[in-house]
Protein backbone atom coordinates (compact mmCIF):
# COMPACT_ATOMS: atom_id res chain seq x y z
CA MET A 1 0.00 0.00 0.00
CA PRO A 2 1.19 3.55 -0.63
CA GLU A 3 2.90 5.43 2.15
CA ILE A 4 0.67 7.97 3.87
CA ARG A 5 1.63 11.54 3.16
CA PRO A 6 -0.51 13.77 5.42
CA THR A 7 -0.28 16.88 3.29
CA PHE A 8 -3.88 17.11 2.11
CA SER A 9 -6.87 18.78 3.64
CA ARG A 10 -9.70 16.36 4.44
CA PRO A 11 -13.20 17.64 3.66
CA PRO A 12 -15.41 17.72 6.74
CA VAL A 13 -17.71 14.72 7.16
CA ALA A 14 -20.40 15.03 9.81
CA ALA A 15 -20.52 11.45 11.11
CA THR A 16 -19.37 9.25 13.94
CA ARG A 17 -15.93 7.80 13.37
CA CYS A 18 -15.06 4.35 14.68
CA PRO A 19 -11.42 3.28 14.28
CA ARG A 20 -10.54 -0.39 13.84
CA GLU A 21 -7.24 -0.24 15.68
CA ASP A 22 -5.98 -3.59 14.40
CA SER A 23 -5.94 -2.41 10.78
CA GLY A 24 -5.77 1.39 10.91
CA MET A 25 -9.25 1.47 9.41
CA GLU A 26 -11.59 4.35 10.26
CA LEU A 27 -15.29 3.55 9.81
CA ILE A 28 -17.28 6.70 9.16
CA GLY A 29 -20.59 6.15 10.92
CA GLY A 30 -19.33 3.42 13.23
CA ILE A 31 -19.82 -0.34 13.20
CA GLU A 32 -22.96 -1.49 11.42
CA LYS A 33 -24.85 -4.71 11.96
CA ARG A 34 -26.32 -5.98 8.71
CA ASP A 35 -27.74 -9.30 7.67
CA ILE A 36 -25.68 -11.07 5.01
CA HIS A 37 -27.78 -12.26 2.07
CA ILE A 38 -26.14 -14.24 -0.72
CA VAL A 39 -28.19 -14.37 -3.91
CA ASP A 40 -27.69 -16.04 -7.28
CA TYR A 41 -25.80 -14.13 -9.95
CA ASP A 42 -27.87 -11.36 -11.54
CA PRO A 43 -26.93 -10.01 -15.00
CA ALA A 44 -28.42 -6.67 -13.91
CA TRP A 45 -25.31 -6.10 -11.78
CA SER A 46 -23.27 -5.28 -14.87
CA GLN A 47 -25.88 -2.72 -15.88
CA ARG A 48 -25.73 -1.15 -12.42
CA PHE A 49 -21.96 -0.91 -12.76
CA ALA A 50 -22.42 0.89 -16.08
CA THR A 51 -24.73 3.42 -14.42
CA GLU A 52 -22.28 4.11 -11.59
CA HIS A 53 -19.32 4.19 -14.00
CA ALA A 54 -21.03 7.03 -15.85
CA ARG A 55 -21.75 8.90 -12.61
CA ILE A 56 -18.13 8.61 -11.41
CA ALA A 57 -16.73 9.61 -14.79
CA ARG A 58 -18.93 12.71 -14.88
CA ALA A 59 -17.89 13.68 -11.36
CA LEU A 60 -14.14 13.20 -11.72
CA GLY A 61 -13.24 13.46 -15.38
CA ALA A 62 -9.54 12.73 -15.98
CA THR A 63 -8.90 12.26 -12.24
CA ALA A 64 -10.51 8.83 -12.61
CA ARG A 65 -7.59 6.99 -14.19
CA ARG A 66 -9.54 3.76 -14.46
CA ILE A 67 -12.89 2.43 -13.24
CA ASP A 68 -13.38 -1.34 -12.96
CA HIS A 69 -16.16 -3.65 -11.89
CA ILE A 70 -14.65 -5.92 -9.21
CA GLY A 71 -15.82 -8.32 -6.53
CA SER A 72 -18.26 -11.18 -6.81
CA THR A 73 -20.87 -9.25 -8.79
CA SER A 74 -18.30 -8.88 -11.59
CA VAL A 75 -17.92 -12.65 -12.02
CA PRO A 76 -20.64 -14.22 -14.21
CA GLY A 77 -22.30 -17.17 -12.49
CA LEU A 78 -21.00 -16.37 -9.00
CA ALA A 79 -23.52 -15.87 -6.20
CA ALA A 80 -22.94 -12.72 -4.18
CA LYS A 81 -24.27 -10.13 -1.81
CA PRO A 82 -26.29 -7.76 -4.03
CA ILE A 83 -23.70 -5.01 -3.58
CA VAL A 84 -21.79 -3.83 -6.65
CA ASP A 85 -18.10 -3.22 -5.93
CA ILE A 86 -16.16 -0.76 -8.07
CA ASP A 87 -12.42 -0.10 -8.15
CA LEU A 88 -11.66 3.58 -8.80
CA CYS A 89 -8.01 4.43 -9.43
CA VAL A 90 -6.83 8.01 -8.92
CA PRO A 91 -3.33 9.57 -9.08
CA ASP A 92 -2.91 9.63 -5.28
CA VAL A 93 -5.53 8.25 -2.92
CA GLU A 94 -4.06 10.23 -0.01
CA ASP A 95 -4.89 13.49 -1.83
CA GLU A 96 -8.56 13.39 -0.86
CA GLY A 97 -9.19 16.94 -1.98
CA ALA A 98 -8.71 15.89 -5.61
CA TYR A 99 -11.57 13.39 -5.69
CA LEU A 100 -13.65 13.22 -2.51
CA PRO A 101 -15.60 16.52 -2.76
CA PRO A 102 -16.82 15.72 -6.32
CA LEU A 103 -17.86 12.21 -5.28
CA LEU A 104 -19.74 13.52 -2.24
CA ALA A 105 -21.43 16.11 -4.45
CA ALA A 106 -22.44 13.29 -6.81
CA GLY A 107 -24.31 11.62 -3.97
CA TYR A 108 -21.83 9.13 -2.54
CA GLN A 109 -21.10 8.91 1.18
CA LEU A 110 -17.69 8.31 2.76
CA ARG A 111 -17.62 5.06 4.73
CA VAL A 112 -13.99 3.86 5.04
CA ARG A 113 -10.69 5.68 5.41
CA GLU A 114 -7.48 3.68 5.83
CA PRO A 115 -3.92 3.83 4.51
CA GLY A 116 -3.94 3.34 0.75
CA HIS A 117 -7.72 2.94 0.46
CA ARG A 118 -10.94 4.90 0.78
CA MET A 119 -14.47 3.64 0.23
CA VAL A 120 -17.57 5.63 -0.62
CA ARG A 121 -21.01 4.16 -1.16
CA THR A 122 -24.51 4.99 -2.26
CA PRO A 123 -27.03 6.00 0.42
CA GLN A 124 -28.86 2.73 -0.38
CA ARG A 125 -25.62 0.87 0.44
CA ASP A 126 -25.91 -1.21 -2.73
CA VAL A 127 -22.78 0.17 -4.43
CA HIS A 128 -19.31 0.38 -2.87
CA VAL A 129 -16.63 2.43 -4.65
CA HIS A 130 -13.11 1.53 -3.52
CA ILE A 131 -10.66 4.35 -4.22
CA VAL A 132 -6.96 3.51 -4.55
CA THR A 133 -3.82 4.86 -6.19
CA VAL A 134 -3.41 3.77 -9.79
CA GLY A 135 -0.87 0.95 -10.07
CA SER A 136 -1.20 0.00 -6.39
CA ASP A 137 -1.09 -3.48 -4.92
CA TRP A 138 -4.80 -3.15 -4.09
CA GLU A 139 -5.65 -2.55 -7.74
CA HIS A 140 -3.50 -5.49 -8.87
CA ARG A 141 -4.97 -7.94 -6.33
CA GLN A 142 -8.59 -7.02 -6.99
CA LEU A 143 -8.30 -7.31 -10.76
CA LEU A 144 -6.31 -10.54 -10.55
CA PHE A 145 -8.80 -12.09 -8.11
CA ARG A 146 -11.67 -11.16 -10.41
CA ASP A 147 -10.02 -12.48 -13.55
CA TRP A 148 -8.96 -15.73 -11.88
CA LEU A 149 -12.48 -16.45 -10.60
CA ARG A 150 -13.81 -15.79 -14.08
CA HIS A 151 -11.30 -18.34 -15.36
CA ASP A 152 -11.30 -21.10 -12.72
CA SER A 153 -14.57 -22.85 -11.89
CA ARG A 154 -13.20 -24.81 -8.91
CA ASP A 155 -12.15 -21.76 -6.94
CA ARG A 156 -15.30 -19.96 -8.03
CA ILE A 157 -17.43 -22.77 -6.59
CA ALA A 158 -15.34 -23.01 -3.41
CA TYR A 159 -15.63 -19.27 -2.83
CA GLU A 160 -19.39 -19.33 -3.33
CA GLN A 161 -19.80 -22.27 -0.94
CA LEU A 162 -17.81 -20.45 1.75
CA LYS A 163 -19.89 -17.30 1.38
CA ARG A 164 -23.13 -19.25 1.65
CA ARG A 165 -21.90 -20.98 4.83
CA LEU A 166 -20.77 -17.71 6.40
CA ALA A 167 -24.09 -16.08 5.53
CA GLN A 168 -25.79 -18.54 7.89
CA GLN A 169 -23.96 -16.97 10.85
CA ASN A 170 -24.89 -13.87 12.82
CA TRP A 171 -22.41 -11.03 12.15
CA ALA A 172 -22.22 -7.93 14.33
CA ASP A 173 -20.19 -6.13 11.65
CA MET A 174 -19.92 -6.70 7.90
CA ASN A 175 -16.16 -6.19 8.18
CA ASP A 176 -15.98 -9.30 10.39
CA TYR A 177 -17.74 -11.27 7.66
CA ALA A 178 -15.17 -10.02 5.17
CA ASP A 179 -12.32 -10.98 7.52
CA ALA A 180 -13.70 -14.52 7.83
CA LYS A 181 -13.22 -15.02 4.10
CA GLY A 182 -9.55 -14.08 4.39
CA PRO A 183 -7.91 -17.53 4.66
CA LEU A 184 -9.62 -18.91 1.55
CA ILE A 185 -9.02 -15.69 -0.35
CA ALA A 186 -5.31 -15.95 0.49
CA GLU A 187 -5.23 -19.49 -0.92
CA ILE A 188 -7.05 -18.41 -4.07
CA ILE A 189 -4.70 -15.48 -4.56
CA GLN A 190 -1.71 -17.84 -4.41
CA ARG A 191 -3.15 -19.93 -7.23
CA ALA A 192 -4.10 -16.81 -9.13
CA GLN A 193 -0.55 -15.47 -8.86
CA ALA A 194 0.87 -18.71 -10.25
CA TRP A 195 -1.61 -18.54 -13.12
CA ALA A 196 -0.77 -14.90 -13.77
CA GLU A 197 2.93 -15.69 -13.99
CA SER A 198 2.32 -18.62 -16.33
CA ILE A 199 0.43 -16.50 -18.86
CA ASP A 200 2.19 -13.18 -18.22
CA TRP A 201 -1.12 -11.69 -17.08
CA THR A 202 -1.59 -7.94 -16.89
CA PRO A 203 -4.81 -6.02 -16.21
CA GLU A 204 -6.55 -5.05 -19.41
CA GLU A 205 -7.55 -1.48 -20.01
CA PRO A 206 -11.17 -1.24 -18.85
CA ALA A 207 -13.71 -0.84 -21.61
CA SER A 208 -16.28 1.91 -21.15
CA PRO A 209 -19.55 0.11 -20.38
CA THR A 210 -22.59 0.84 -22.50
CA LEU A 211 -25.79 1.81 -20.76
CA GLY A 212 -28.66 -0.33 -21.96
CA ASP A 213 -32.23 0.72 -22.38
CA LYS A 214 -34.09 1.29 -19.17
């Protein structure tokens, strides 16, 4: 992750802040208890990504170096929480003044602040936009994980089975649910890295999605 350079001015956010001391994560609004619902893959998720892609591009212009659909909703056939995850790469994620005010003005809300990563979301909490520095390890891992799950059915099935099992449990915080997936994700990433090296994988330039008819 990029080194923190505290030279920017953070826009004011009127919300409760709850730090997760073990990770350096600051949760704007505090810990939230939410039920975890895993649903079958929905082709409408790609259309929702296209809608949010357009909104982000309008808000940031050239500051948005690349915008990618990531996470389970970006993998055809994979069951997921009905939350669309987006990877937004900017020149320097620590320079919040360059991107956060336009995103807040566009209707997003700041939820996570941690070294090398910010997350904003829709008020409905059905879209999460992860903001990172272009070329960062975060960007590489997310795109590799996505592409590997699109490629490998065994890991795709194993990941779905784990998520469905975890969804049966009672979670006080969605971040704890995410942490519980960590060991399997680490195993999958190892296999993905080996695959990437064998084919000389590099992230493709994202294509601009086309908005379909409403």
